[in-house]
Amino acid sequence: SVAKPSFSDTQGYEAGRTGQVGRVLLAAKNTSANKKIIASNGGFVMKASNTMRLCFDSRSANESFARTAVAAFLCGLDPTVEELTDVKTAVSEAVTNSIVHGYREKIDKVYITANIYSDNRIVIKIKDKGCGISDVKQAMEPLFTTAAEEERAGLGFAVMESLMDKVKVFSQPGKGTTVTLEKQIVSKGESYVHNSRG
């Protein structure tokens, strides 16, 4: 049987390039071969072909380390320069949110997990155990911010959504936030073939 987690106190929203926001429920199922995830639509998510994990202090200096580490991991898919820049920027925004808004400059831990799948997708999760977000839908609206004094305040989620195929945010006040970024990568070789045919 599938054990469905309770989201009674947790808010989860997903946004794609269309800007739609909706609740996403996931349930985990263990199999003898491996762990798979069953989405709310009943489909199975394929097993990752490569995985990386990072844990670092919530210091501003570590934001560049985080984006560089994820970029190096992504290079295995031979991304275009634009794709690489998009992912690095989105990761920077998510990590900065954890440091500035999640921990409010308090030093704690930020966690990153990145998975590469055989269909050339990369899925990156940035997690903190900070103050959480009381209204995720409102927080994802352009220009909304809890730190008006910050440069480019209120643009973090908007930037992520403009660069990635999917952005998911799960948060629980007082317990932290997880931002999931997903992007399909077209390798430089495939991009060259496509442009030549065009």
C-alpha atoms as a PDB file:
ATOM      1  CA  SER A   1       0.000   0.000   0.000  1.00  0.00           C
ATOM      2  CA  VAL A   2       1.102   3.579  -0.609  1.00  0.00           C
ATOM      3  CA  ALA A   3       1.680   5.759   2.450  1.00  0.00           C
ATOM      4  CA  LYS A   4       0.480   9.271   1.693  1.00  0.00           C
ATOM      5  CA  PRO A   5       2.103  12.048   3.725  1.00  0.00           C
ATOM      6  CA  SER A   6      -0.104  14.608   5.390  1.00  0.00           C
ATOM      7  CA  PHE A   7       0.082  18.133   4.028  1.00  0.00           C
ATOM      8  CA  SER A   8      -2.418  19.612   6.475  1.00  0.00           C
ATOM      9  CA  ASP A   9       0.198  22.025   7.852  1.00  0.00           C
ATOM     10  CA  THR A  10       2.437  22.209   4.802  1.00  0.00           C
ATOM     11  CA  GLN A  11       1.921  24.370   1.765  1.00  0.00           C
ATOM     12  CA  GLY A  12       3.141  23.165  -1.609  1.00  0.00           C
ATOM     13  CA  TYR A  13       2.826  25.009  -4.869  1.00  0.00           C
ATOM     14  CA  GLU A  14       4.133  24.364  -8.340  1.00  0.00           C
ATOM     15  CA  ALA A  15       4.724  26.876 -11.089  1.00  0.00           C
ATOM     16  CA  GLY A  16       5.753  26.352 -14.708  1.00  0.00           C
ATOM     17  CA  ARG A  17       6.469  28.788 -17.498  1.00  0.00           C
ATOM     18  CA  THR A  18       2.700  29.423 -17.768  1.00  0.00           C
ATOM     19  CA  GLY A  19       2.765  30.883 -14.261  1.00  0.00           C
ATOM     20  CA  GLN A  20       0.087  28.480 -13.033  1.00  0.00           C
ATOM     21  CA  VAL A  21       0.146  27.721  -9.337  1.00  0.00           C
ATOM     22  CA  GLY A  22      -1.391  24.579  -7.878  1.00  0.00           C
ATOM     23  CA  ARG A  23      -1.090  22.102  -5.060  1.00  0.00           C
ATOM     24  CA  VAL A  24       1.154  19.114  -5.695  1.00  0.00           C
ATOM     25  CA  LEU A  25       0.848  15.985  -3.637  1.00  0.00           C
ATOM     26  CA  LEU A  26       3.443  13.248  -3.721  1.00  0.00           C
ATOM     27  CA  ALA A  27       3.442   9.864  -2.054  1.00  0.00           C
ATOM     28  CA  ALA A  28       6.406   7.556  -1.679  1.00  0.00           C
ATOM     29  CA  LYS A  29       6.352   3.851  -2.397  1.00  0.00           C
ATOM     30  CA  ASN A  30       9.159   1.423  -1.628  1.00  0.00           C
ATOM     31  CA  THR A  31       9.857  -1.392  -4.035  1.00  0.00           C
ATOM     32  CA  SER A  32      12.313  -4.247  -3.617  1.00  0.00           C
ATOM     33  CA  ALA A  33      14.491  -2.921  -6.453  1.00  0.00           C
ATOM     34  CA  ASN A  34      14.500   0.785  -5.692  1.00  0.00           C
ATOM     35  CA  LYS A  35      12.453   3.676  -4.379  1.00  0.00           C
ATOM     36  CA  LYS A  36      10.069   5.290  -6.807  1.00  0.00           C
ATOM     37  CA  ILE A  37       7.795   8.269  -6.423  1.00  0.00           C
ATOM     38  CA  ILE A  38       4.143   8.172  -7.330  1.00  0.00           C
ATOM     39  CA  ALA A  39       2.812  11.563  -8.388  1.00  0.00           C
ATOM     40  CA  SER A  40      -0.777  12.604  -7.889  1.00  0.00           C
ATOM     41  CA  ASN A  41      -1.518  11.685 -11.517  1.00  0.00           C
ATOM     42  CA  GLY A  42      -0.486   8.081 -10.831  1.00  0.00           C
ATOM     43  CA  GLY A  43       2.612   8.123 -13.061  1.00  0.00           C
ATOM     44  CA  PHE A  44       6.007   6.829 -11.970  1.00  0.00           C
ATOM     45  CA  VAL A  45       9.019   9.121 -11.935  1.00  0.00           C
ATOM     46  CA  MET A  46      12.067   7.409 -13.386  1.00  0.00           C
ATOM     47  CA  LYS A  47      15.094   6.580 -11.252  1.00  0.00           C
ATOM     48  CA  ALA A  48      17.926   9.114 -11.314  1.00  0.00           C
ATOM     49  CA  SER A  49      21.017   8.132 -13.301  1.00  0.00           C
ATOM     50  CA  ASN A  50      23.308  10.420 -11.291  1.00  0.00           C
ATOM     51  CA  THR A  51      22.920  12.168  -7.933  1.00  0.00           C
ATOM     52  CA  MET A  52      24.832  14.726  -5.890  1.00  0.00           C
ATOM     53  CA  ARG A  53      24.313  16.127  -2.384  1.00  0.00           C
ATOM     54  CA  LEU A  54      25.713  19.231  -0.714  1.00  0.00           C
ATOM     55  CA  CYS A  55      25.455  20.653   2.782  1.00  0.00           C
ATOM     56  CA  PHE A  56      27.001  24.012   3.665  1.00  0.00           C
ATOM     57  CA  ASP A  57      26.717  26.923   6.089  1.00  0.00           C
ATOM     58  CA  SER A  58      24.161  29.614   5.291  1.00  0.00           C
ATOM     59  CA  ARG A  59      26.816  32.229   4.586  1.00  0.00           C
ATOM     60  CA  SER A  60      26.547  34.604   1.641  1.00  0.00           C
ATOM     61  CA  ALA A  61      30.036  33.564   0.529  1.00  0.00           C
ATOM     62  CA  ASN A  62      28.766  30.018  -0.068  1.00  0.00           C
ATOM     63  CA  GLU A  63      26.188  31.078  -2.650  1.00  0.00           C
ATOM     64  CA  SER A  64      28.828  31.126  -5.407  1.00  0.00           C
ATOM     65  CA  PHE A  65      30.148  27.752  -4.233  1.00  0.00           C
ATOM     66  CA  ALA A  66      26.656  26.241  -4.490  1.00  0.00           C
ATOM     67  CA  ARG A  67      25.974  27.442  -8.026  1.00  0.00           C
ATOM     68  CA  THR A  68      29.453  26.424  -9.215  1.00  0.00           C
ATOM     69  CA  ALA A  69      29.116  22.925  -7.726  1.00  0.00           C
ATOM     70  CA  VAL A  70      25.706  22.377  -9.364  1.00  0.00           C
ATOM     71  CA  ALA A  71      27.035  23.725 -12.676  1.00  0.00           C
ATOM     72  CA  ALA A  72      29.967  21.297 -12.576  1.00  0.00           C
ATOM     73  CA  PHE A  73      27.565  18.431 -11.912  1.00  0.00           C
ATOM     74  CA  LEU A  74      25.322  19.550 -14.793  1.00  0.00           C
ATOM     75  CA  CYS A  75      28.254  19.574 -17.243  1.00  0.00           C
ATOM     76  CA  GLY A  76      27.849  15.813 -17.610  1.00  0.00           C
ATOM     77  CA  LEU A  77      24.802  16.565 -19.802  1.00  0.00           C
ATOM     78  CA  ASP A  78      26.861  18.845 -22.079  1.00  0.00           C
ATOM     79  CA  PRO A  79      24.505  21.830 -21.690  1.00  0.00           C
ATOM     80  CA  THR A  80      24.598  24.969 -23.794  1.00  0.00           C
ATOM     81  CA  VAL A  81      26.079  28.097 -22.234  1.00  0.00           C
ATOM     82  CA  GLU A  82      22.573  29.546 -21.918  1.00  0.00           C
ATOM     83  CA  GLU A  83      21.260  26.445 -20.123  1.00  0.00           C
ATOM     84  CA  LEU A  84      24.218  26.414 -17.767  1.00  0.00           C
ATOM     85  CA  THR A  85      23.727  30.100 -16.973  1.00  0.00           C
ATOM     86  CA  ASP A  86      19.992  29.606 -16.395  1.00  0.00           C
ATOM     87  CA  VAL A  87      20.558  26.813 -13.879  1.00  0.00           C
ATOM     88  CA  LYS A  88      23.362  28.659 -12.055  1.00  0.00           C
ATOM     89  CA  THR A  89      21.216  31.783 -11.740  1.00  0.00           C
ATOM     90  CA  ALA A  90      18.159  29.879 -10.492  1.00  0.00           C
ATOM     91  CA  VAL A  91      20.252  28.024  -7.898  1.00  0.00           C
ATOM     92  CA  SER A  92      21.783  31.327  -6.774  1.00  0.00           C
ATOM     93  CA  GLU A  93      18.326  32.810  -6.239  1.00  0.00           C
ATOM     94  CA  ALA A  94      17.087  29.804  -4.256  1.00  0.00           C
ATOM     95  CA  VAL A  95      20.189  29.646  -2.055  1.00  0.00           C
ATOM     96  CA  THR A  96      20.038  33.399  -1.438  1.00  0.00           C
ATOM     97  CA  ASN A  97      16.394  33.027  -0.378  1.00  0.00           C
ATOM     98  CA  SER A  98      17.419  30.389   2.168  1.00  0.00           C
ATOM     99  CA  ILE A  99      20.216  32.545   3.562  1.00  0.00           C
ATOM    100  CA  VAL A 100      18.444  35.909   3.601  1.00  0.00           C
ATOM    101  CA  HIS A 101      14.812  34.970   4.199  1.00  0.00           C
ATOM    102  CA  GLY A 102      14.927  31.437   5.602  1.00  0.00           C
ATOM    103  CA  TYR A 103      17.605  31.956   8.231  1.00  0.00           C
ATOM    104  CA  ARG A 104      17.514  35.768   8.239  1.00  0.00           C
ATOM    105  CA  GLU A 105      21.304  35.915   8.343  1.00  0.00           C
ATOM    106  CA  LYS A 106      21.527  33.338  11.170  1.00  0.00           C
ATOM    107  CA  ILE A 107      24.166  30.702  10.435  1.00  0.00           C
ATOM    108  CA  ASP A 108      22.684  27.250   9.885  1.00  0.00           C
ATOM    109  CA  LYS A 109      22.732  24.632   7.123  1.00  0.00           C
ATOM    110  CA  VAL A 110      21.529  24.728   3.515  1.00  0.00           C
ATOM    111  CA  TYR A 111      21.056  21.407   1.705  1.00  0.00           C
ATOM    112  CA  ILE A 112      21.158  20.792  -2.036  1.00  0.00           C
ATOM    113  CA  THR A 113      20.296  17.563  -3.830  1.00  0.00           C
ATOM    114  CA  ALA A 114      20.570  17.330  -7.616  1.00  0.00           C
ATOM    115  CA  ASN A 115      19.403  14.417  -9.749  1.00  0.00           C
ATOM    116  CA  ILE A 116      20.045  13.814 -13.434  1.00  0.00           C
ATOM    117  CA  TYR A 117      17.638  11.552 -15.343  1.00  0.00           C
ATOM    118  CA  SER A 118      18.084   9.594 -18.560  1.00  0.00           C
ATOM    119  CA  ASP A 119      15.751  11.961 -20.444  1.00  0.00           C
ATOM    120  CA  ASN A 120      18.274  14.794 -19.873  1.00  0.00           C
ATOM    121  CA  ARG A 121      16.317  16.391 -17.032  1.00  0.00           C
ATOM    122  CA  ILE A 122      17.987  17.856 -13.987  1.00  0.00           C
ATOM    123  CA  VAL A 123      16.001  18.251 -10.778  1.00  0.00           C
ATOM    124  CA  ILE A 124      17.571  20.351  -8.009  1.00  0.00           C
ATOM    125  CA  LYS A 125      16.235  20.681  -4.474  1.00  0.00           C
ATOM    126  CA  ILE A 126      17.405  23.489  -2.210  1.00  0.00           C
ATOM    127  CA  LYS A 127      16.296  22.995   1.382  1.00  0.00           C
ATOM    128  CA  ASP A 128      16.609  24.984   4.585  1.00  0.00           C
ATOM    129  CA  LYS A 129      15.270  24.529   8.106  1.00  0.00           C
ATOM    130  CA  GLY A 130      14.580  28.186   8.635  1.00  0.00           C
ATOM    131  CA  CYS A 131      11.492  30.222   9.461  1.00  0.00           C
ATOM    132  CA  GLY A 132       9.407  28.905   6.562  1.00  0.00           C
ATOM    133  CA  ILE A 133       6.847  30.779   4.467  1.00  0.00           C
ATOM    134  CA  SER A 134       3.367  31.461   5.825  1.00  0.00           C
ATOM    135  CA  ASP A 135       1.805  32.106   2.395  1.00  0.00           C
ATOM    136  CA  VAL A 136       3.694  30.442  -0.453  1.00  0.00           C
ATOM    137  CA  LYS A 137       1.328  31.638  -3.172  1.00  0.00           C
ATOM    138  CA  GLN A 138       1.794  35.246  -2.097  1.00  0.00           C
ATOM    139  CA  ALA A 139       5.569  34.812  -1.749  1.00  0.00           C
ATOM    140  CA  MET A 140       5.774  33.647  -5.381  1.00  0.00           C
ATOM    141  CA  GLU A 141       4.075  36.778  -6.681  1.00  0.00           C
ATOM    142  CA  PRO A 142       6.490  39.188  -8.430  1.00  0.00           C
ATOM    143  CA  LEU A 143       7.820  41.990  -6.215  1.00  0.00           C
ATOM    144  CA  PHE A 144       6.487  40.509  -2.974  1.00  0.00           C
ATOM    145  CA  THR A 145       9.223  40.537  -0.328  1.00  0.00           C
ATOM    146  CA  THR A 146       9.819  40.418   3.407  1.00  0.00           C
ATOM    147  CA  ALA A 147      13.140  42.251   3.016  1.00  0.00           C
ATOM    148  CA  ALA A 148      12.390  45.454   1.104  1.00  0.00           C
ATOM    149  CA  GLU A 149      15.853  46.824   1.813  1.00  0.00           C
ATOM    150  CA  GLU A 150      17.505  44.076  -0.255  1.00  0.00           C
ATOM    151  CA  GLU A 151      18.565  44.784  -3.837  1.00  0.00           C
ATOM    152  CA  ARG A 152      16.219  43.119  -6.363  1.00  0.00           C
ATOM    153  CA  ALA A 153      13.927  42.185  -3.455  1.00  0.00           C
ATOM    154  CA  GLY A 154      10.840  40.263  -4.500  1.00  0.00           C
ATOM    155  CA  LEU A 155      12.253  38.980  -7.801  1.00  0.00           C
ATOM    156  CA  GLY A 156      13.753  35.648  -6.664  1.00  0.00           C
ATOM    157  CA  PHE A 157      10.881  33.298  -7.498  1.00  0.00           C
ATOM    158  CA  ALA A 158      10.018  35.258 -10.646  1.00  0.00           C
ATOM    159  CA  VAL A 159      13.594  34.838 -11.888  1.00  0.00           C
ATOM    160  CA  MET A 160      13.553  31.104 -11.098  1.00  0.00           C
ATOM    161  CA  GLU A 161      10.260  30.616 -12.956  1.00  0.00           C
ATOM    162  CA  SER A 162      11.546  32.504 -16.009  1.00  0.00           C
ATOM    163  CA  LEU A 163      14.657  30.322 -16.271  1.00  0.00           C
ATOM    164  CA  MET A 164      13.445  26.845 -15.292  1.00  0.00           C
ATOM    165  CA  ASP A 165      10.759  24.579 -16.745  1.00  0.00           C
ATOM    166  CA  LYS A 166       9.210  23.960 -13.330  1.00  0.00           C
ATOM    167  CA  VAL A 167       9.537  25.517  -9.900  1.00  0.00           C
ATOM    168  CA  LYS A 168       7.975  23.888  -6.839  1.00  0.00           C
ATOM    169  CA  VAL A 169       7.945  25.366  -3.360  1.00  0.00           C
ATOM    170  CA  PHE A 170       7.071  23.438  -0.207  1.00  0.00           C
ATOM    171  CA  SER A 171       7.138  25.274   3.081  1.00  0.00           C
ATOM    172  CA  GLN A 172       6.048  24.900   6.676  1.00  0.00           C
ATOM    173  CA  PRO A 173       6.216  27.911   9.013  1.00  0.00           C
ATOM    174  CA  GLY A 174       8.850  27.387  11.679  1.00  0.00           C
ATOM    175  CA  LYS A 175      10.266  24.278   9.982  1.00  0.00           C
ATOM    176  CA  GLY A 176      11.736  25.419   6.696  1.00  0.00           C
ATOM    177  CA  THR A 177      11.348  25.544   2.931  1.00  0.00           C
ATOM    178  CA  THR A 178      12.263  23.307   0.005  1.00  0.00           C
ATOM    179  CA  VAL A 179      12.514  24.744  -3.506  1.00  0.00           C
ATOM    180  CA  THR A 180      12.607  22.245  -6.381  1.00  0.00           C
ATOM    181  CA  LEU A 181      13.946  23.386  -9.759  1.00  0.00           C
ATOM    182  CA  GLU A 182      13.520  21.303 -12.896  1.00  0.00           C
ATOM    183  CA  LYS A 183      14.903  21.823 -16.387  1.00  0.00           C
ATOM    184  CA  GLN A 184      15.169  19.734 -19.544  1.00  0.00           C
ATOM    185  CA  ILE A 185      18.651  20.021 -21.033  1.00  0.00           C
ATOM    186  CA  VAL A 186      19.302  20.064 -24.779  1.00  0.00           C
ATOM    187  CA  SER A 187      22.961  19.195 -25.234  1.00  0.00           C
ATOM    188  CA  LYS A 188      25.201  21.336 -27.428  1.00  0.00           C
ATOM    189  CA  GLY A 189      25.374  18.546 -30.019  1.00  0.00           C
ATOM    190  CA  GLU A 190      21.591  18.217 -30.274  1.00  0.00           C
ATOM    191  CA  SER A 191      21.200  21.998 -30.354  1.00  0.00           C
ATOM    192  CA  TYR A 192      23.678  22.226 -33.274  1.00  0.00           C
ATOM    193  CA  VAL A 193      21.790  19.574 -35.265  1.00  0.00           C
ATOM    194  CA  HIS A 194      18.453  21.292 -34.619  1.00  0.00           C
ATOM    195  CA  ASN A 195      19.762  24.709 -35.666  1.00  0.00           C
ATOM    196  CA  SER A 196      21.379  23.267 -38.809  1.00  0.00           C
ATOM    197  CA  ARG A 197      18.072  21.734 -39.897  1.00  0.00           C
ATOM    198  CA  GLY A 198      16.238  24.970 -39.169  1.00  0.00           C
END
